[in-house]
Amino acid sequence: MSLSPTTKMLARAIDRSDLGLTEIADRCGFRLPATLLEIAQGDMQVPLDRIPDLARTLQMDERQFLVLAIQEYHPGVFEVLVETLGIHMEDAELGVIAMFRIANIRGQIEVEDPFRKALEGMLDLSRLARG
């Protein structure tokens, strides 16, 4: 069975964690570690109300995890949220926009050495973060 993007994200975070399933389950309010295992194997969806605790416990990007789960599990709701609240941007994307705006204060933006290198570095980091 192919794992969904949300499940893959959770499974990778669990694998990287120094905590065992029992400790993660306890910290995130799951009565049984087996429930967390079922979620990580893709047999159950990640409960949206547990995403904040899972993200904090497993040192995940809480917003990215939540947005991915809503997009996957509730695409219609996700579409309404994007239309109403705007497109979700990750911290790296916001950083690029901030760099661009700072550079633009000086007038015409030239995508030359320092700015180009910084932009390429941000794009490389983004690719690495996505695995």
C-alpha atoms as a PDB file:
ATOM      1  CA  MET A   1       0.000   0.000   0.000  1.00  0.00           C
ATOM      2  CA  SER A   2       1.278   3.456  -0.911  1.00  0.00           C
ATOM      3  CA  LEU A   3       1.430   5.906   1.969  1.00  0.00           C
ATOM      4  CA  SER A   4      -0.234   9.295   1.653  1.00  0.00           C
ATOM      5  CA  PRO A   5       1.855  12.489   1.897  1.00  0.00           C
ATOM      6  CA  THR A   6       0.537  13.207   5.406  1.00  0.00           C
ATOM      7  CA  THR A   7       1.313   9.676   6.560  1.00  0.00           C
ATOM      8  CA  LYS A   8       4.793   9.819   5.022  1.00  0.00           C
ATOM      9  CA  MET A   9       5.505  13.093   6.795  1.00  0.00           C
ATOM     10  CA  LEU A  10       4.422  11.635  10.138  1.00  0.00           C
ATOM     11  CA  ALA A  11       6.263   8.337   9.620  1.00  0.00           C
ATOM     12  CA  ARG A  12       9.519  10.173   8.773  1.00  0.00           C
ATOM     13  CA  ALA A  13       9.180  12.316  11.897  1.00  0.00           C
ATOM     14  CA  ILE A  14       8.581   9.251  14.077  1.00  0.00           C
ATOM     15  CA  ASP A  15      11.603   7.498  12.547  1.00  0.00           C
ATOM     16  CA  ARG A  16      13.816  10.547  13.220  1.00  0.00           C
ATOM     17  CA  SER A  17      12.591  10.937  16.793  1.00  0.00           C
ATOM     18  CA  ASP A  18      14.539   9.666  19.775  1.00  0.00           C
ATOM     19  CA  LEU A  19      11.203   8.944  21.476  1.00  0.00           C
ATOM     20  CA  GLY A  20       9.496   5.578  21.383  1.00  0.00           C
ATOM     21  CA  LEU A  21       5.914   5.084  20.215  1.00  0.00           C
ATOM     22  CA  THR A  22       4.661   4.786  23.799  1.00  0.00           C
ATOM     23  CA  GLU A  23       6.202   8.131  24.800  1.00  0.00           C
ATOM     24  CA  ILE A  24       4.932   9.860  21.642  1.00  0.00           C
ATOM     25  CA  ALA A  25       1.450   8.411  22.165  1.00  0.00           C
ATOM     26  CA  ASP A  26       1.404   9.549  25.812  1.00  0.00           C
ATOM     27  CA  ARG A  27       2.526  13.082  24.965  1.00  0.00           C
ATOM     28  CA  CYS A  28      -0.034  13.382  22.166  1.00  0.00           C
ATOM     29  CA  GLY A  29      -3.055  12.011  24.005  1.00  0.00           C
ATOM     30  CA  PHE A  30      -3.372   8.598  22.352  1.00  0.00           C
ATOM     31  CA  ARG A  31      -4.492   5.937  24.806  1.00  0.00           C
ATOM     32  CA  LEU A  32      -2.679   3.171  22.946  1.00  0.00           C
ATOM     33  CA  PRO A  33       0.629   3.273  21.059  1.00  0.00           C
ATOM     34  CA  ALA A  34      -0.970   0.844  18.592  1.00  0.00           C
ATOM     35  CA  THR A  35      -3.271   3.655  17.435  1.00  0.00           C
ATOM     36  CA  LEU A  36      -0.260   5.795  16.583  1.00  0.00           C
ATOM     37  CA  LEU A  37       1.292   2.839  14.761  1.00  0.00           C
ATOM     38  CA  GLU A  38      -1.883   2.378  12.691  1.00  0.00           C
ATOM     39  CA  ILE A  39      -1.778   6.057  11.750  1.00  0.00           C
ATOM     40  CA  ALA A  40       1.922   5.890  10.833  1.00  0.00           C
ATOM     41  CA  GLN A  41       1.270   2.829   8.654  1.00  0.00           C
ATOM     42  CA  GLY A  42      -1.566   4.575   6.831  1.00  0.00           C
ATOM     43  CA  ASP A  43      -4.381   2.459   8.239  1.00  0.00           C
ATOM     44  CA  MET A  44      -5.982   5.523   9.861  1.00  0.00           C
ATOM     45  CA  GLN A  45      -5.943   9.233   9.087  1.00  0.00           C
ATOM     46  CA  VAL A  46      -4.086  11.592  11.375  1.00  0.00           C
ATOM     47  CA  PRO A  47      -6.721  13.217  13.613  1.00  0.00           C
ATOM     48  CA  LEU A  48      -6.553  16.942  12.867  1.00  0.00           C
ATOM     49  CA  ASP A  49      -6.958  17.835  16.539  1.00  0.00           C
ATOM     50  CA  ARG A  50      -3.795  15.841  17.379  1.00  0.00           C
ATOM     51  CA  ILE A  51      -1.605  17.584  14.795  1.00  0.00           C
ATOM     52  CA  PRO A  52      -0.412  20.392  17.125  1.00  0.00           C
ATOM     53  CA  ASP A  53       0.740  17.915  19.796  1.00  0.00           C
ATOM     54  CA  LEU A  54       2.276  15.553  17.233  1.00  0.00           C
ATOM     55  CA  ALA A  55       4.113  18.414  15.557  1.00  0.00           C
ATOM     56  CA  ARG A  56       5.515  19.764  18.822  1.00  0.00           C
ATOM     57  CA  THR A  57       6.468  16.333  20.134  1.00  0.00           C
ATOM     58  CA  LEU A  58       8.125  15.279  16.874  1.00  0.00           C
ATOM     59  CA  GLN A  59       9.629  18.707  16.105  1.00  0.00           C
ATOM     60  CA  MET A  60       7.671  19.106  12.867  1.00  0.00           C
ATOM     61  CA  ASP A  61       6.488  22.263  11.151  1.00  0.00           C
ATOM     62  CA  GLU A  62       3.005  22.471  12.649  1.00  0.00           C
ATOM     63  CA  ARG A  63       1.531  24.661   9.919  1.00  0.00           C
ATOM     64  CA  GLN A  64       2.965  22.560   7.097  1.00  0.00           C
ATOM     65  CA  PHE A  65       1.676  19.337   8.692  1.00  0.00           C
ATOM     66  CA  LEU A  66      -1.807  20.763   9.275  1.00  0.00           C
ATOM     67  CA  VAL A  67      -2.095  22.282   5.802  1.00  0.00           C
ATOM     68  CA  LEU A  68      -0.962  19.028   4.183  1.00  0.00           C
ATOM     69  CA  ALA A  69      -3.511  17.005   6.180  1.00  0.00           C
ATOM     70  CA  ILE A  70      -6.400  19.370   5.411  1.00  0.00           C
ATOM     71  CA  GLN A  71      -5.432  19.465   1.739  1.00  0.00           C
ATOM     72  CA  GLU A  72      -5.335  15.675   1.597  1.00  0.00           C
ATOM     73  CA  TYR A  73      -8.296  14.748   3.797  1.00  0.00           C
ATOM     74  CA  HIS A  74     -10.625  17.663   3.044  1.00  0.00           C
ATOM     75  CA  PRO A  75      -9.741  19.148  -0.375  1.00  0.00           C
ATOM     76  CA  GLY A  76     -12.991  21.132  -0.601  1.00  0.00           C
ATOM     77  CA  VAL A  77     -12.412  22.741   2.789  1.00  0.00           C
ATOM     78  CA  PHE A  78      -8.800  23.436   1.824  1.00  0.00           C
ATOM     79  CA  GLU A  79      -9.942  25.177  -1.356  1.00  0.00           C
ATOM     80  CA  VAL A  80     -12.353  27.397   0.598  1.00  0.00           C
ATOM     81  CA  LEU A  81      -9.659  28.255   3.149  1.00  0.00           C
ATOM     82  CA  VAL A  82      -7.201  29.205   0.409  1.00  0.00           C
ATOM     83  CA  GLU A  83      -9.797  31.317  -1.392  1.00  0.00           C
ATOM     84  CA  THR A  84     -10.890  33.032   1.807  1.00  0.00           C
ATOM     85  CA  LEU A  85      -7.670  33.318   3.804  1.00  0.00           C
ATOM     86  CA  GLY A  86      -5.053  33.271   1.057  1.00  0.00           C
ATOM     87  CA  ILE A  87      -2.431  30.805   0.016  1.00  0.00           C
ATOM     88  CA  HIS A  88      -0.418  29.223   2.813  1.00  0.00           C
ATOM     89  CA  MET A  89       3.268  30.043   2.699  1.00  0.00           C
ATOM     90  CA  GLU A  90       6.014  28.281   4.582  1.00  0.00           C
ATOM     91  CA  ASP A  91       8.708  30.136   6.523  1.00  0.00           C
ATOM     92  CA  ALA A  92      11.275  29.732   3.726  1.00  0.00           C
ATOM     93  CA  GLU A  93       8.848  31.233   1.211  1.00  0.00           C
ATOM     94  CA  LEU A  94       8.103  34.163   3.518  1.00  0.00           C
ATOM     95  CA  GLY A  95      11.864  34.656   3.913  1.00  0.00           C
ATOM     96  CA  VAL A  96      12.331  34.940   0.159  1.00  0.00           C
ATOM     97  CA  ILE A  97       9.552  37.514  -0.063  1.00  0.00           C
ATOM     98  CA  ALA A  98      11.088  39.509   2.800  1.00  0.00           C
ATOM     99  CA  MET A  99      14.498  39.455   1.080  1.00  0.00           C
ATOM    100  CA  PHE A 100      12.901  40.596  -2.165  1.00  0.00           C
ATOM    101  CA  ARG A 101      11.080  43.467  -0.459  1.00  0.00           C
ATOM    102  CA  ILE A 102      14.222  44.617   1.340  1.00  0.00           C
ATOM    103  CA  ALA A 103      16.136  44.558  -1.934  1.00  0.00           C
ATOM    104  CA  ASN A 104      13.315  46.447  -3.633  1.00  0.00           C
ATOM    105  CA  ILE A 105      13.556  49.343  -1.140  1.00  0.00           C
ATOM    106  CA  ARG A 106      16.685  50.443  -2.941  1.00  0.00           C
ATOM    107  CA  GLY A 107      14.864  50.658  -6.252  1.00  0.00           C
ATOM    108  CA  GLN A 108      15.308  48.390  -9.233  1.00  0.00           C
ATOM    109  CA  ILE A 109      16.084  44.827  -8.200  1.00  0.00           C
ATOM    110  CA  GLU A 110      19.037  43.276  -9.921  1.00  0.00           C
ATOM    111  CA  VAL A 111      19.208  39.543  -9.524  1.00  0.00           C
ATOM    112  CA  GLU A 112      22.989  39.571  -9.458  1.00  0.00           C
ATOM    113  CA  ASP A 113      25.620  38.040  -7.223  1.00  0.00           C
ATOM    114  CA  PRO A 114      24.605  38.576  -3.560  1.00  0.00           C
ATOM    115  CA  PHE A 115      20.848  38.511  -4.066  1.00  0.00           C
ATOM    116  CA  ARG A 116      21.009  35.702  -6.647  1.00  0.00           C
ATOM    117  CA  LYS A 117      23.212  33.573  -4.363  1.00  0.00           C
ATOM    118  CA  ALA A 118      20.904  34.153  -1.393  1.00  0.00           C
ATOM    119  CA  LEU A 119      17.873  33.265  -3.500  1.00  0.00           C
ATOM    120  CA  GLU A 120      19.542  30.108  -4.821  1.00  0.00           C
ATOM    121  CA  GLY A 121      20.488  29.167  -1.255  1.00  0.00           C
ATOM    122  CA  MET A 122      16.885  29.549  -0.105  1.00  0.00           C
ATOM    123  CA  LEU A 123      15.684  27.395  -3.004  1.00  0.00           C
ATOM    124  CA  ASP A 124      18.273  24.722  -2.166  1.00  0.00           C
ATOM    125  CA  LEU A 125      17.148  24.728   1.477  1.00  0.00           C
ATOM    126  CA  SER A 126      13.535  24.410   0.377  1.00  0.00           C
ATOM    127  CA  ARG A 127      14.384  21.386  -1.777  1.00  0.00           C
ATOM    128  CA  LEU A 128      16.310  19.753   1.067  1.00  0.00           C
ATOM    129  CA  ALA A 129      13.486  20.365   3.548  1.00  0.00           C
ATOM    130  CA  ARG A 130      10.971  18.659   1.271  1.00  0.00           C
ATOM    131  CA  GLY A 131      13.176  15.557   1.144  1.00  0.00           C
END
